[in-house]
Structure formats: structure tokens, C-alpha cells
């Protein structure tokens, strides 16, 4: 269903965010502390139960020590691949 929280594009965003966290060597709890959010926030985003806005996306990238533009490029590349 287009626009669903579980669309291929949305699921790809969650995959990229989860992999970026893992690659940074952080647990969900550590990332949540860095974000000033509860661990359940990180878990819900990574499971695709909660979408994040652009500001939260930038904060997520910053907490991981990644340039938001680089993280977004990974999201965009994956979405282009799945919709092509």
C-alpha cells in the first residue's frame, strides 16, 4: 500500500538506520541516550513502527557520527534500486 509505514521505501529507511547504528558499534540503548529518547523510540523506528522526520533523521546521523547527507545518500540509493 503506497504511503504505508511498511512500504518498501520505508522499510529500506529502517534498514539503513539500523545498519548504520550497528556499524557505529552502538546498542539501541546507547543510541537512545545520545538522542535523549527512550530505547523504545529507537526500537520502534528500527522495526518500522514509527517514522522519523528529517530533523530526527539528522539527529540520528549526528548521534552516530555520520554526516546526514551520507546517510541519506544510502537511503536514496536503496529506494532508487527498489523502485527502478
PDB file of N, CA and C in Angstrom:
ATOM      1  N   UNK A   1       0.842  -1.170   0.000  1.00  0.00           N
ATOM      2  CA  UNK A   1       0.000   0.000   0.000  1.00  0.00           C
ATOM      3  C   UNK A   1       0.890   1.238   0.000  1.00  0.00           C
ATOM      4  N   UNK A   2       0.777   2.139  -0.982  1.00  0.00           N
ATOM      5  CA  UNK A   2       1.597   3.347  -1.023  1.00  0.00           C
ATOM      6  C   UNK A   2       1.381   4.195   0.219  1.00  0.00           C
ATOM      7  N   UNK A   3       2.476   4.731   0.745  1.00  0.00           N
ATOM      8  CA  UNK A   3       2.384   5.587   1.915  1.00  0.00           C
ATOM      9  C   UNK A   3       2.308   4.824   3.226  1.00  0.00           C
ATOM     10  N   UNK A   4       2.224   3.518   3.167  1.00  0.00           N
ATOM     11  CA  UNK A   4       2.175   2.709   4.370  1.00  0.00           C
ATOM     12  C   UNK A   4       3.498   2.795   5.102  1.00  0.00           C
ATOM     13  N   UNK A   5       3.443   2.675   6.420  1.00  0.00           N
ATOM     14  CA  UNK A   5       4.667   2.644   7.217  1.00  0.00           C
ATOM     15  C   UNK A   5       5.515   1.441   6.839  1.00  0.00           C
ATOM     16  N   UNK A   6       4.910   0.475   6.149  1.00  0.00           N
ATOM     17  CA  UNK A   6       5.622  -0.728   5.779  1.00  0.00           C
ATOM     18  C   UNK A   6       5.881  -0.835   4.282  1.00  0.00           C
ATOM     19  N   UNK A   7       5.884   0.285   3.566  1.00  0.00           N
ATOM     20  CA  UNK A   7       6.215   0.256   2.146  1.00  0.00           C
ATOM     21  C   UNK A   7       7.680  -0.138   1.998  1.00  0.00           C
ATOM     22  N   UNK A   8       8.053  -0.586   0.807  1.00  0.00           N
ATOM     23  CA  UNK A   8       9.442  -0.968   0.561  1.00  0.00           C
ATOM     24  C   UNK A   8      10.391   0.185   0.870  1.00  0.00           C
ATOM     25  N   UNK A   9      10.013   1.399   0.492  1.00  0.00           N
ATOM     26  CA  UNK A   9      10.874   2.556   0.734  1.00  0.00           C
ATOM     27  C   UNK A   9      11.029   2.806   2.229  1.00  0.00           C
ATOM     28  N   UNK A  10       9.939   2.747   2.971  1.00  0.00           N
ATOM     29  CA  UNK A  10      10.014   2.960   4.418  1.00  0.00           C
ATOM     30  C   UNK A  10      10.821   1.865   5.097  1.00  0.00           C
ATOM     31  N   UNK A  11      10.643   0.642   4.662  1.00  0.00           N
ATOM     32  CA  UNK A  11      11.412  -0.457   5.231  1.00  0.00           C
ATOM     33  C   UNK A  11      12.896  -0.300   4.933  1.00  0.00           C
ATOM     34  N   UNK A  12      13.206   0.252   3.770  1.00  0.00           N
ATOM     35  CA  UNK A  12      14.618   0.479   3.448  1.00  0.00           C
ATOM     36  C   UNK A  12      15.215   1.537   4.371  1.00  0.00           C
ATOM     37  N   UNK A  13      14.460   2.571   4.669  1.00  0.00           N
ATOM     38  CA  UNK A  13      14.940   3.604   5.605  1.00  0.00           C
ATOM     39  C   UNK A  13      15.278   2.952   6.933  1.00  0.00           C
ATOM     40  N   UNK A  14      14.385   2.117   7.447  1.00  0.00           N
ATOM     41  CA  UNK A  14      14.647   1.478   8.735  1.00  0.00           C
ATOM     42  C   UNK A  14      15.868   0.573   8.666  1.00  0.00           C
ATOM     43  N   UNK A  15      16.045  -0.109   7.542  1.00  0.00           N
ATOM     44  CA  UNK A  15      17.216  -0.971   7.371  1.00  0.00           C
ATOM     45  C   UNK A  15      18.499  -0.145   7.422  1.00  0.00           C
ATOM     46  N   UNK A  16      18.523   0.960   6.702  1.00  0.00           N
ATOM     47  CA  UNK A  16      19.714   1.818   6.673  1.00  0.00           C
ATOM     48  C   UNK A  16      20.016   2.375   8.062  1.00  0.00           C
ATOM     49  N   UNK A  17      18.989   2.826   8.768  1.00  0.00           N
ATOM     50  CA  UNK A  17      19.196   3.377  10.108  1.00  0.00           C
ATOM     51  C   UNK A  17      19.721   2.319  11.070  1.00  0.00           C
ATOM     52  N   UNK A  18      19.148   1.128  11.007  1.00  0.00           N
ATOM     53  CA  UNK A  18      19.585   0.038  11.889  1.00  0.00           C
ATOM     54  C   UNK A  18      21.025  -0.376  11.577  1.00  0.00           C
ATOM     55  N   UNK A  19      21.336  -0.533  10.292  1.00  0.00           N
ATOM     56  CA  UNK A  19      22.691  -0.933   9.908  1.00  0.00           C
ATOM     57  C   UNK A  19      23.717   0.133  10.279  1.00  0.00           C
ATOM     58  N   UNK A  20      23.343   1.399  10.136  1.00  0.00           N
ATOM     59  CA  UNK A  20      24.255   2.486  10.499  1.00  0.00           C
ATOM     60  C   UNK A  20      24.549   2.447  11.998  1.00  0.00           C
ATOM     61  N   UNK A  21      23.522   2.174  12.796  1.00  0.00           N
ATOM     62  CA  UNK A  21      23.738   2.062  14.247  1.00  0.00           C
ATOM     63  C   UNK A  21      24.672   0.907  14.566  1.00  0.00           C
ATOM     64  N   UNK A  22      24.407  -0.234  13.966  1.00  0.00           N
ATOM     65  CA  UNK A  22      25.247  -1.408  14.215  1.00  0.00           C
ATOM     66  C   UNK A  22      26.684  -1.163  13.766  1.00  0.00           C
ATOM     67  N   UNK A  23      26.844  -0.554  12.595  1.00  0.00           N
ATOM     68  CA  UNK A  23      28.187  -0.265  12.084  1.00  0.00           C
ATOM     69  C   UNK A  23      28.938   0.722  12.966  1.00  0.00           C
ATOM     70  N   UNK A  24      28.190   1.579  13.654  1.00  0.00           N
ATOM     71  CA  UNK A  24      28.809   2.528  14.581  1.00  0.00           C
ATOM     72  C   UNK A  24      29.160   1.851  15.907  1.00  0.00           C
ATOM     73  N   UNK A  25      28.736   0.604  16.074  1.00  0.00           N
ATOM     74  CA  UNK A  25      29.047  -0.144  17.276  1.00  0.00           C
ATOM     75  C   UNK A  25      28.223   0.258  18.487  1.00  0.00           C
ATOM     76  N   UNK A  26      27.039   0.801  18.234  1.00  0.00           N
ATOM     77  CA  UNK A  26      26.173   1.236  19.328  1.00  0.00           C
ATOM     78  C   UNK A  26      24.994   0.285  19.498  1.00  0.00           C
ATOM     79  N   UNK A  27      24.582   0.125  20.741  1.00  0.00           N
ATOM     80  CA  UNK A  27      23.354  -0.601  21.028  1.00  0.00           C
ATOM     81  C   UNK A  27      22.196   0.378  20.883  1.00  0.00           C
ATOM     82  N   UNK A  28      20.983  -0.161  20.885  1.00  0.00           N
ATOM     83  CA  UNK A  28      19.811   0.711  20.864  1.00  0.00           C
ATOM     84  C   UNK A  28      19.792   1.618  22.090  1.00  0.00           C
ATOM     85  N   UNK A  29      20.193   1.093  23.225  1.00  0.00           N
ATOM     86  CA  UNK A  29      20.205   1.884  24.458  1.00  0.00           C
ATOM     87  C   UNK A  29      21.206   3.026  24.339  1.00  0.00           C
ATOM     88  N   UNK A  30      22.393   2.755  23.828  1.00  0.00           N
ATOM     89  CA  UNK A  30      23.410   3.796  23.685  1.00  0.00           C
ATOM     90  C   UNK A  30      22.956   4.886  22.726  1.00  0.00           C
ATOM     91  N   UNK A  31      22.341   4.494  21.619  1.00  0.00           N
ATOM     92  CA  UNK A  31      21.842   5.483  20.670  1.00  0.00           C
ATOM     93  C   UNK A  31      20.719   6.300  21.295  1.00  0.00           C
ATOM     94  N   UNK A  32      19.836   5.640  22.005  1.00  0.00           N
ATOM     95  CA  UNK A  32      18.728   6.340  22.655  1.00  0.00           C
ATOM     96  C   UNK A  32      19.248   7.388  23.638  1.00  0.00           C
ATOM     97  N   UNK A  33      20.255   7.049  24.408  1.00  0.00           N
ATOM     98  CA  UNK A  33      20.848   8.001  25.353  1.00  0.00           C
ATOM     99  C   UNK A  33      21.406   9.198  24.591  1.00  0.00           C
ATOM    100  N   UNK A  34      22.129   8.926  23.500  1.00  0.00           N
ATOM    101  CA  UNK A  34      22.708  10.007  22.693  1.00  0.00           C
ATOM    102  C   UNK A  34      21.623  10.913  22.106  1.00  0.00           C
ATOM    103  N   UNK A  35      20.476  10.331  21.798  1.00  0.00           N
ATOM    104  CA  UNK A  35      19.364  11.093  21.227  1.00  0.00           C
ATOM    105  C   UNK A  35      18.502  11.765  22.294  1.00  0.00           C
ATOM    106  N   UNK A  36      18.674  11.340  23.537  1.00  0.00           N
ATOM    107  CA  UNK A  36      17.815  11.854  24.600  1.00  0.00           C
ATOM    108  C   UNK A  36      16.401  11.304  24.508  1.00  0.00           C
ATOM    109  N   UNK A  37      16.297  10.083  24.000  1.00  0.00           N
ATOM    110  CA  UNK A  37      14.999   9.425  23.801  1.00  0.00           C
ATOM    111  C   UNK A  37      15.025   8.089  24.533  1.00  0.00           C
ATOM    112  N   UNK A  38      13.858   7.499  24.767  1.00  0.00           N
ATOM    113  CA  UNK A  38      13.841   6.152  25.357  1.00  0.00           C
ATOM    114  C   UNK A  38      14.286   5.104  24.335  1.00  0.00           C
ATOM    115  N   UNK A  39      14.769   3.988  24.822  1.00  0.00           N
ATOM    116  CA  UNK A  39      15.200   2.901  23.942  1.00  0.00           C
ATOM    117  C   UNK A  39      14.048   2.432  23.071  1.00  0.00           C
ATOM    118  N   UNK A  40      12.831   2.510  23.568  1.00  0.00           N
ATOM    119  CA  UNK A  40      11.676   2.073  22.786  1.00  0.00           C
ATOM    120  C   UNK A  40      11.503   2.910  21.522  1.00  0.00           C
ATOM    121  N   UNK A  41      11.919   4.172  21.553  1.00  0.00           N
ATOM    122  CA  UNK A  41      11.864   5.025  20.356  1.00  0.00           C
ATOM    123  C   UNK A  41      12.741   4.434  19.261  1.00  0.00           C
ATOM    124  N   UNK A  42      13.975   4.096  19.614  1.00  0.00           N
ATOM    125  CA  UNK A  42      14.908   3.518  18.637  1.00  0.00           C
ATOM    126  C   UNK A  42      14.361   2.193  18.118  1.00  0.00           C
ATOM    127  N   UNK A  43      13.869   1.362  19.026  1.00  0.00           N
ATOM    128  CA  UNK A  43      13.336   0.056  18.623  1.00  0.00           C
ATOM    129  C   UNK A  43      12.158   0.205  17.663  1.00  0.00           C
ATOM    130  N   UNK A  44      11.252   1.120  17.952  1.00  0.00           N
ATOM    131  CA  UNK A  44      10.087   1.309  17.084  1.00  0.00           C
ATOM    132  C   UNK A  44      10.484   1.835  15.712  1.00  0.00           C
ATOM    133  N   UNK A  45      11.452   2.733  15.661  1.00  0.00           N
ATOM    134  CA  UNK A  45      11.931   3.228  14.367  1.00  0.00           C
ATOM    135  C   UNK A  45      12.556   2.076  13.583  1.00  0.00           C
ATOM    136  N   UNK A  46      13.411   1.310  14.243  1.00  0.00           N
ATOM    137  CA  UNK A  46      14.110   0.225  13.553  1.00  0.00           C
ATOM    138  C   UNK A  46      13.183  -0.901  13.124  1.00  0.00           C
ATOM    139  N   UNK A  47      12.054  -1.073  13.801  1.00  0.00           N
ATOM    140  CA  UNK A  47      11.071  -2.091  13.403  1.00  0.00           C
ATOM    141  C   UNK A  47      10.080  -1.562  12.378  1.00  0.00           C
ATOM    142  N   UNK A  48      10.165  -0.274  12.075  1.00  0.00           N
ATOM    143  CA  UNK A  48       9.252   0.312  11.107  1.00  0.00           C
ATOM    144  C   UNK A  48       7.904   0.670  11.694  1.00  0.00           C
ATOM    145  N   UNK A  49       7.797   0.674  13.009  1.00  0.00           N
ATOM    146  CA  UNK A  49       6.534   1.011  13.666  1.00  0.00           C
ATOM    147  C   UNK A  49       6.365   2.515  13.819  1.00  0.00           C
ATOM    148  N   UNK A  50       7.466   3.242  13.707  1.00  0.00           N
ATOM    149  CA  UNK A  50       7.415   4.693  13.857  1.00  0.00           C
ATOM    150  C   UNK A  50       8.314   5.317  12.804  1.00  0.00           C
ATOM    151  N   UNK A  51       7.769   6.280  12.089  1.00  0.00           N
ATOM    152  CA  UNK A  51       8.575   7.036  11.133  1.00  0.00           C
ATOM    153  C   UNK A  51       9.242   8.196  11.846  1.00  0.00           C
ATOM    154  N   UNK A  52      10.345   8.673  11.283  1.00  0.00           N
ATOM    155  CA  UNK A  52      11.003   9.841  11.845  1.00  0.00           C
ATOM    156  C   UNK A  52      11.001  10.960  10.817  1.00  0.00           C
ATOM    157  N   UNK A  53      10.989  12.170  11.312  1.00  0.00           N
ATOM    158  CA  UNK A  53      11.058  13.341  10.448  1.00  0.00           C
ATOM    159  C   UNK A  53      12.507  13.659  10.087  1.00  0.00           C
ATOM    160  N   UNK A  54      12.668  14.652   9.252  1.00  0.00           N
ATOM    161  CA  UNK A  54      14.002  15.000   8.766  1.00  0.00           C
ATOM    162  C   UNK A  54      14.912  15.475   9.896  1.00  0.00           C
ATOM    163  N   UNK A  55      14.378  16.224  10.842  1.00  0.00           N
ATOM    164  CA  UNK A  55      15.200  16.695  11.963  1.00  0.00           C
ATOM    165  C   UNK A  55      15.668  15.507  12.792  1.00  0.00           C
ATOM    166  N   UNK A  56      14.765  14.565  13.060  1.00  0.00           N
ATOM    167  CA  UNK A  56      15.149  13.364  13.800  1.00  0.00           C
ATOM    168  C   UNK A  56      16.162  12.539  13.014  1.00  0.00           C
ATOM    169  N   UNK A  57      16.022  12.490  11.699  1.00  0.00           N
ATOM    170  CA  UNK A  57      16.976  11.774  10.853  1.00  0.00           C
ATOM    171  C   UNK A  57      18.363  12.382  11.007  1.00  0.00           C
ATOM    172  N   UNK A  58      18.440  13.706  10.977  1.00  0.00           N
ATOM    173  CA  UNK A  58      19.720  14.399  11.125  1.00  0.00           C
ATOM    174  C   UNK A  58      20.297  14.138  12.512  1.00  0.00           C
ATOM    175  N   UNK A  59      19.456  14.190  13.538  1.00  0.00           N
ATOM    176  CA  UNK A  59      19.923  13.916  14.902  1.00  0.00           C
ATOM    177  C   UNK A  59      20.441  12.487  15.025  1.00  0.00           C
ATOM    178  N   UNK A  60      19.755  11.540  14.376  1.00  0.00           N
ATOM    179  CA  UNK A  60      20.165  10.129  14.383  1.00  0.00           C
ATOM    180  C   UNK A  60      21.554  10.014  13.763  1.00  0.00           C
ATOM    181  N   UNK A  61      21.737  10.616  12.607  1.00  0.00           N
ATOM    182  CA  UNK A  61      23.041  10.571  11.932  1.00  0.00           C
ATOM    183  C   UNK A  61      24.118  11.206  12.797  1.00  0.00           C
ATOM    184  N   UNK A  62      23.827  12.364  13.359  1.00  0.00           N
ATOM    185  CA  UNK A  62      24.807  13.044  14.206  1.00  0.00           C
ATOM    186  C   UNK A  62      25.195  12.184  15.408  1.00  0.00           C
ATOM    187  N   UNK A  63      24.222  11.522  16.014  1.00  0.00           N
ATOM    188  CA  UNK A  63      24.498  10.663  17.169  1.00  0.00           C
ATOM    189  C   UNK A  63      25.403   9.499  16.795  1.00  0.00           C
ATOM    190  N   UNK A  64      25.346   9.096  15.537  1.00  0.00           N
ATOM    191  CA  UNK A  64      26.192   8.005  15.055  1.00  0.00           C
ATOM    192  C   UNK A  64      27.537   8.502  14.522  1.00  0.00           C
ATOM    193  N   UNK A  65      27.700   9.820  14.456  1.00  0.00           N
ATOM    194  CA  UNK A  65      28.941  10.377  13.928  1.00  0.00           C
ATOM    195  C   UNK A  65      29.031  10.279  12.414  1.00  0.00           C
ATOM    196  N   UNK A  66      27.882  10.296  11.767  1.00  0.00           N
ATOM    197  CA  UNK A  66      27.798  10.184  10.303  1.00  0.00           C
ATOM    198  C   UNK A  66      27.198  11.472   9.759  1.00  0.00           C
ATOM    199  N   UNK A  67      27.716  11.956   8.656  1.00  0.00           N
ATOM    200  CA  UNK A  67      27.101  13.111   8.005  1.00  0.00           C
ATOM    201  C   UNK A  67      25.723  12.698   7.515  1.00  0.00           C
ATOM    202  N   UNK A  68      24.720  13.490   7.853  1.00  0.00           N
ATOM    203  CA  UNK A  68      23.350  13.168   7.472  1.00  0.00           C
ATOM    204  C   UNK A  68      23.222  13.002   5.961  1.00  0.00           C
ATOM    205  N   UNK A  69      23.940  13.796   5.210  1.00  0.00           N
ATOM    206  CA  UNK A  69      23.865  13.709   3.752  1.00  0.00           C
ATOM    207  C   UNK A  69      24.380  12.348   3.261  1.00  0.00           C
ATOM    208  N   UNK A  70      25.387  11.807   3.925  1.00  0.00           N
ATOM    209  CA  UNK A  70      25.910  10.490   3.541  1.00  0.00           C
ATOM    210  C   UNK A  70      24.912   9.391   3.873  1.00  0.00           C
ATOM    211  N   UNK A  71      24.294   9.499   5.037  1.00  0.00           N
ATOM    212  CA  UNK A  71      23.290   8.515   5.424  1.00  0.00           C
ATOM    213  C   UNK A  71      22.082   8.597   4.497  1.00  0.00           C
ATOM    214  N   UNK A  72      21.676   9.815   4.167  1.00  0.00           N
ATOM    215  CA  UNK A  72      20.546   9.997   3.262  1.00  0.00           C
ATOM    216  C   UNK A  72      20.863   9.435   1.875  1.00  0.00           C
ATOM    217  N   UNK A  73      22.111   9.583   1.425  1.00  0.00           N
ATOM    218  CA  UNK A  73      22.503   9.047   0.116  1.00  0.00           C
ATOM    219  C   UNK A  73      22.311   7.533   0.073  1.00  0.00           C
ATOM    220  N   UNK A  74      22.593   6.854   1.187  1.00  0.00           N
ATOM    221  CA  UNK A  74      22.379   5.405   1.243  1.00  0.00           C
ATOM    222  C   UNK A  74      20.889   5.074   1.146  1.00  0.00           C
ATOM    223  N   UNK A  75      20.082   5.872   1.818  1.00  0.00           N
ATOM    224  CA  UNK A  75      18.632   5.672   1.752  1.00  0.00           C
ATOM    225  C   UNK A  75      18.151   5.882   0.318  1.00  0.00           C
ATOM    226  N   UNK A  76      18.572   6.992  -0.265  1.00  0.00           N
ATOM    227  CA  UNK A  76      18.128   7.320  -1.617  1.00  0.00           C
ATOM    228  C   UNK A  76      18.560   6.261  -2.625  1.00  0.00           C
ATOM    229  N   UNK A  77      19.789   5.805  -2.518  1.00  0.00           N
ATOM    230  CA  UNK A  77      20.298   4.783  -3.441  1.00  0.00           C
ATOM    231  C   UNK A  77      19.453   3.515  -3.346  1.00  0.00           C
ATOM    232  N   UNK A  78      19.142   3.090  -2.140  1.00  0.00           N
ATOM    233  CA  UNK A  78      18.337   1.890  -1.966  1.00  0.00           C
ATOM    234  C   UNK A  78      16.930   2.034  -2.477  1.00  0.00           C
ATOM    235  N   UNK A  79      16.349   3.208  -2.274  1.00  0.00           N
ATOM    236  CA  UNK A  79      14.988   3.444  -2.764  1.00  0.00           C
ATOM    237  C   UNK A  79      14.968   3.479  -4.292  1.00  0.00           C
ATOM    238  N   UNK A  80      15.964   4.081  -4.880  1.00  0.00           N
ATOM    239  CA  UNK A  80      16.031   4.093  -6.352  1.00  0.00           C
ATOM    240  C   UNK A  80      16.143   2.688  -6.902  1.00  0.00           C
ATOM    241  N   UNK A  81      16.898   1.839  -6.214  1.00  0.00           N
ATOM    242  CA  UNK A  81      17.083   0.479  -6.650  1.00  0.00           C
ATOM    243  C   UNK A  81      15.791  -0.319  -6.555  1.00  0.00           C
ATOM    244  N   UNK A  82      15.026  -0.091  -5.475  1.00  0.00           N
ATOM    245  CA  UNK A  82      13.797  -0.863  -5.282  1.00  0.00           C
ATOM    246  C   UNK A  82      12.647  -0.386  -6.148  1.00  0.00           C
ATOM    247  N   UNK A  83      12.708   0.885  -6.606  1.00  0.00           N
ATOM    248  CA  UNK A  83      11.615   1.401  -7.417  1.00  0.00           C
ATOM    249  C   UNK A  83      11.938   1.402  -8.904  1.00  0.00           C
ATOM    250  N   UNK A  84      13.132   1.010  -9.250  1.00  0.00           N
ATOM    251  CA  UNK A  84      13.549   1.027 -10.669  1.00  0.00           C
ATOM    252  C   UNK A  84      13.048  -0.187 -11.404  1.00  0.00           C
TER     253      UNK A  84
END
